[in-house]
Amino acid sequence: MAGTTIEVRPATVFADVATMVGPKRPDANVCWCLSYRIPSKENLTLSGPARGDRVRELVELDPPPGVLAYDADGEVVGWAAVHPRADTTFARNRRIPHLDDDEGVWSVWCIRVRPGHRGRGISHRLLAGAVEFARDHGARAIEGYPVDNAGKKVDLTMAYVGTRSLFEKAGFEKAADTTSVLNGFPRVLMRLELDGG
């Protein structure tokens, strides 16, 4: 972590979002970080290039669909999906408890660091940047839904939700258990109340 200059900015550059969450082949059906962001029915109908087109539309909105981390050379090295909970499937998710109304509550649900850049504390910077992004847009609270892995290794393909300890280090507190399980680990609802939201 020492010596790593990382800047976190709103995800307004489609090419950089594509680098982080898009496929190597444009016709491939990858998540594009849409699974929790758009209604399930819409998510199921989109395939191939249409998925990227939908993300391009989201990037042009205010607020955009997340934040990106850049290294000192300006290379994109990380992504965090963060948005008002009301505009995500977490507003209706049966496995993740709903603690209060959606007004002013944001969700952060995906944190990715590019291969070759892991182990440098970038996920911590991304989560901090996601919190600031939500705060700057008037959020009163922000939630995450990481795995409670008790220090055990999480498969990299499932690590996108983050770990309880990552969220705790960012000041989040466990607010509730969930009935969601990922990679054999229970997911917990972590929450951070924001001042001035």
Protein backbone atom coordinates (compact mmCIF):
# COMPACT_ATOMS: atom_id res chain seq x y z
CA MET A 1 0.00 0.00 0.00
CA ALA A 2 2.87 2.32 0.75
CA GLY A 3 4.03 4.29 -2.24
CA THR A 4 0.94 3.54 -4.31
CA THR A 5 -0.66 6.73 -5.59
CA ILE A 6 -4.28 5.97 -6.37
CA GLU A 7 -6.93 8.46 -7.41
CA VAL A 8 -10.60 7.48 -7.32
CA ARG A 9 -12.92 9.31 -9.72
CA PRO A 10 -16.54 8.97 -10.89
CA ALA A 11 -16.93 6.34 -13.62
CA THR A 12 -17.62 8.70 -16.52
CA VAL A 13 -15.22 7.17 -19.08
CA PHE A 14 -16.91 4.21 -20.79
CA ALA A 15 -13.65 2.76 -22.15
CA ASP A 16 -12.23 2.55 -18.61
CA VAL A 17 -15.42 0.94 -17.26
CA ALA A 18 -15.23 -1.54 -20.15
CA THR A 19 -11.62 -2.33 -19.24
CA MET A 20 -12.72 -3.17 -15.70
CA VAL A 21 -16.01 -5.02 -16.21
CA GLY A 22 -16.37 -5.71 -19.93
CA PRO A 23 -15.49 -8.87 -21.87
CA LYS A 24 -12.42 -9.50 -24.00
CA ARG A 25 -14.81 -10.27 -26.90
CA PRO A 26 -17.63 -7.74 -27.46
CA ASP A 27 -20.20 -10.50 -28.18
CA ALA A 28 -19.50 -12.36 -24.92
CA ASN A 29 -22.24 -12.47 -22.28
CA VAL A 30 -20.51 -11.20 -19.16
CA CYS A 31 -22.07 -9.45 -16.19
CA TRP A 32 -20.85 -5.91 -17.03
CA CYS A 33 -21.84 -5.23 -13.39
CA LEU A 34 -25.49 -5.02 -14.46
CA SER A 35 -26.87 -7.91 -12.38
CA TYR A 36 -27.75 -5.78 -9.36
CA ARG A 37 -27.97 -2.42 -11.14
CA ILE A 38 -30.90 -2.98 -13.52
CA PRO A 39 -34.17 -4.91 -13.12
CA SER A 40 -33.74 -8.69 -13.36
CA LYS A 41 -36.03 -9.00 -16.39
CA GLU A 42 -34.05 -6.41 -18.31
CA ASN A 43 -30.77 -8.03 -17.28
CA LEU A 44 -31.93 -11.40 -18.60
CA THR A 45 -32.99 -9.97 -21.97
CA LEU A 46 -29.70 -8.20 -22.71
CA SER A 47 -26.97 -10.20 -24.43
CA GLY A 48 -23.67 -9.63 -26.19
CA PRO A 49 -22.98 -6.05 -27.30
CA ALA A 50 -26.36 -4.85 -25.94
CA ARG A 51 -24.96 -5.28 -22.43
CA GLY A 52 -22.09 -2.90 -23.17
CA ASP A 53 -24.49 -0.47 -24.84
CA ARG A 54 -26.61 -0.40 -21.67
CA VAL A 55 -23.53 0.33 -19.54
CA ARG A 56 -22.56 3.12 -21.94
CA GLU A 57 -26.00 4.68 -21.27
CA LEU A 58 -25.52 4.37 -17.49
CA VAL A 59 -22.06 5.98 -17.65
CA GLU A 60 -23.62 9.05 -19.27
CA LEU A 61 -26.13 9.52 -16.44
CA ASP A 62 -25.66 11.66 -13.34
CA PRO A 63 -24.67 9.99 -11.15
CA PRO A 64 -22.71 7.43 -13.18
CA PRO A 65 -22.84 3.77 -12.07
CA GLY A 66 -19.73 3.77 -9.88
CA VAL A 67 -16.18 4.92 -9.37
CA LEU A 68 -12.85 4.01 -10.96
CA ALA A 69 -9.36 3.89 -9.47
CA TYR A 70 -6.38 5.18 -11.44
CA ASP A 71 -2.69 4.73 -10.71
CA ALA A 72 -0.06 7.48 -10.90
CA ASP A 73 0.31 6.89 -14.67
CA GLY A 74 -3.41 7.39 -15.26
CA GLU A 75 -4.06 3.69 -15.94
CA VAL A 76 -7.40 2.38 -14.71
CA VAL A 77 -6.77 -0.27 -12.04
CA GLY A 78 -10.05 -0.67 -10.15
CA TRP A 79 -13.83 -0.38 -10.16
CA ALA A 80 -16.54 -0.09 -7.52
CA ALA A 81 -20.25 -0.16 -8.34
CA VAL A 82 -22.11 2.30 -6.12
CA HIS A 83 -25.54 3.81 -6.61
CA PRO A 84 -28.73 4.78 -4.77
CA ARG A 85 -30.26 1.54 -3.43
CA ALA A 86 -33.68 2.49 -4.85
CA ASP A 87 -32.24 2.12 -8.39
CA THR A 88 -30.80 -1.34 -7.73
CA THR A 89 -32.25 -4.80 -7.21
CA PHE A 90 -31.28 -4.51 -3.53
CA ALA A 91 -34.43 -2.41 -3.14
CA ARG A 92 -36.42 -5.62 -3.74
CA ASN A 93 -33.96 -8.39 -2.83
CA ARG A 94 -35.56 -11.05 -0.62
CA ARG A 95 -32.26 -12.36 0.73
CA ILE A 96 -30.86 -8.99 1.81
CA PRO A 97 -32.92 -7.30 4.57
CA HIS A 98 -34.40 -3.89 4.03
CA LEU A 99 -33.66 -1.88 7.18
CA ASP A 100 -35.49 1.31 6.22
CA ASP A 101 -36.91 3.19 3.27
CA ASP A 102 -34.66 3.80 0.29
CA GLU A 103 -34.51 7.57 0.65
CA GLY A 104 -30.85 8.60 0.78
CA VAL A 105 -29.49 5.05 1.15
CA TRP A 106 -26.84 3.93 -1.32
CA SER A 107 -25.46 0.46 -2.06
CA VAL A 108 -21.93 -0.61 -2.99
CA TRP A 109 -21.93 -4.15 -4.37
CA CYS A 110 -18.93 -4.80 -6.58
CA ILE A 111 -15.26 -4.01 -5.99
CA ARG A 112 -12.75 -5.16 -8.58
CA VAL A 113 -9.01 -4.65 -8.90
CA ARG A 114 -7.20 -5.49 -12.12
CA PRO A 115 -4.86 -8.49 -12.11
CA GLY A 116 -1.30 -7.34 -11.58
CA HIS A 117 -2.42 -4.57 -9.23
CA ARG A 118 -3.84 -6.61 -6.35
CA GLY A 119 -2.32 -6.59 -2.89
CA ARG A 120 -1.64 -2.84 -2.98
CA GLY A 121 -4.63 -1.64 -0.96
CA ILE A 122 -6.58 -0.52 -4.02
CA SER A 123 -9.82 -2.14 -2.81
CA HIS A 124 -9.58 -0.03 0.36
CA ARG A 125 -9.14 3.11 -1.75
CA LEU A 126 -12.06 2.11 -3.97
CA LEU A 127 -14.39 1.59 -1.02
CA ALA A 128 -13.34 4.92 0.51
CA GLY A 129 -13.90 6.57 -2.87
CA ALA A 130 -17.35 4.96 -3.18
CA VAL A 131 -18.29 6.34 0.25
CA GLU A 132 -17.15 9.84 -0.71
CA PHE A 133 -18.98 9.62 -4.03
CA ALA A 134 -22.22 8.67 -2.23
CA ARG A 135 -21.71 11.39 0.38
CA ASP A 136 -21.08 14.00 -2.36
CA HIS A 137 -24.41 13.00 -3.92
CA GLY A 138 -26.37 13.47 -0.69
CA ALA A 139 -26.42 9.93 0.68
CA ARG A 140 -27.37 9.63 4.36
CA ALA A 141 -26.14 6.03 4.58
CA ILE A 142 -24.30 3.49 2.45
CA GLU A 143 -24.62 -0.29 2.59
CA GLY A 144 -22.49 -3.18 1.39
CA TYR A 145 -23.23 -6.90 1.32
CA PRO A 146 -19.86 -8.66 1.68
CA VAL A 147 -19.06 -12.22 2.68
CA ASP A 148 -18.28 -12.94 6.33
CA ASN A 149 -15.34 -15.22 5.55
CA ALA A 150 -13.67 -15.12 8.98
CA GLY A 151 -10.27 -14.65 7.35
CA LYS A 152 -10.58 -17.69 5.06
CA LYS A 153 -9.65 -17.41 1.39
CA VAL A 154 -12.45 -16.35 -0.96
CA ASP A 155 -12.37 -17.50 -4.59
CA LEU A 156 -11.36 -14.49 -6.73
CA THR A 157 -14.39 -14.86 -9.01
CA MET A 158 -16.63 -14.44 -5.95
CA ALA A 159 -14.54 -11.83 -4.12
CA TYR A 160 -16.22 -8.95 -5.96
CA VAL A 161 -18.67 -8.41 -3.06
CA GLY A 162 -15.80 -7.71 -0.67
CA THR A 163 -15.20 -9.10 2.79
CA ARG A 164 -16.59 -8.07 6.14
CA SER A 165 -13.11 -7.00 7.30
CA LEU A 166 -12.67 -4.71 4.27
CA PHE A 167 -15.90 -2.93 5.16
CA GLU A 168 -15.07 -2.80 8.87
CA LYS A 169 -11.73 -1.13 8.09
CA ALA A 170 -13.70 1.52 6.19
CA GLY A 171 -15.86 2.23 9.24
CA PHE A 172 -18.91 0.15 8.29
CA GLU A 173 -20.70 -1.82 11.02
CA LYS A 174 -22.66 -5.03 10.72
CA ALA A 175 -26.33 -4.06 10.61
CA ALA A 176 -27.96 -7.41 9.85
CA ASP A 177 -27.49 -11.01 8.78
CA THR A 178 -28.76 -12.02 5.34
CA THR A 179 -29.94 -15.32 3.89
CA SER A 180 -27.56 -14.87 0.95
CA VAL A 181 -24.54 -17.19 0.69
CA LEU A 182 -21.67 -16.76 -1.76
CA ASN A 183 -18.77 -19.18 -2.23
CA GLY A 184 -19.95 -21.04 0.88
CA PHE A 185 -19.76 -17.94 3.07
CA PRO A 186 -22.72 -16.04 4.54
CA ARG A 187 -23.16 -12.47 3.37
CA VAL A 188 -23.79 -9.76 5.94
CA LEU A 189 -25.31 -6.33 5.61
CA MET A 190 -22.68 -3.73 6.50
CA ARG A 191 -23.74 -0.11 6.89
CA LEU A 192 -22.14 3.27 7.36
CA GLU A 193 -24.21 6.25 8.44
CA LEU A 194 -23.03 9.45 6.78
CA ASP A 195 -23.01 12.91 8.30
CA GLY A 196 -24.76 15.63 6.41
CA GLY A 197 -26.47 13.27 3.98
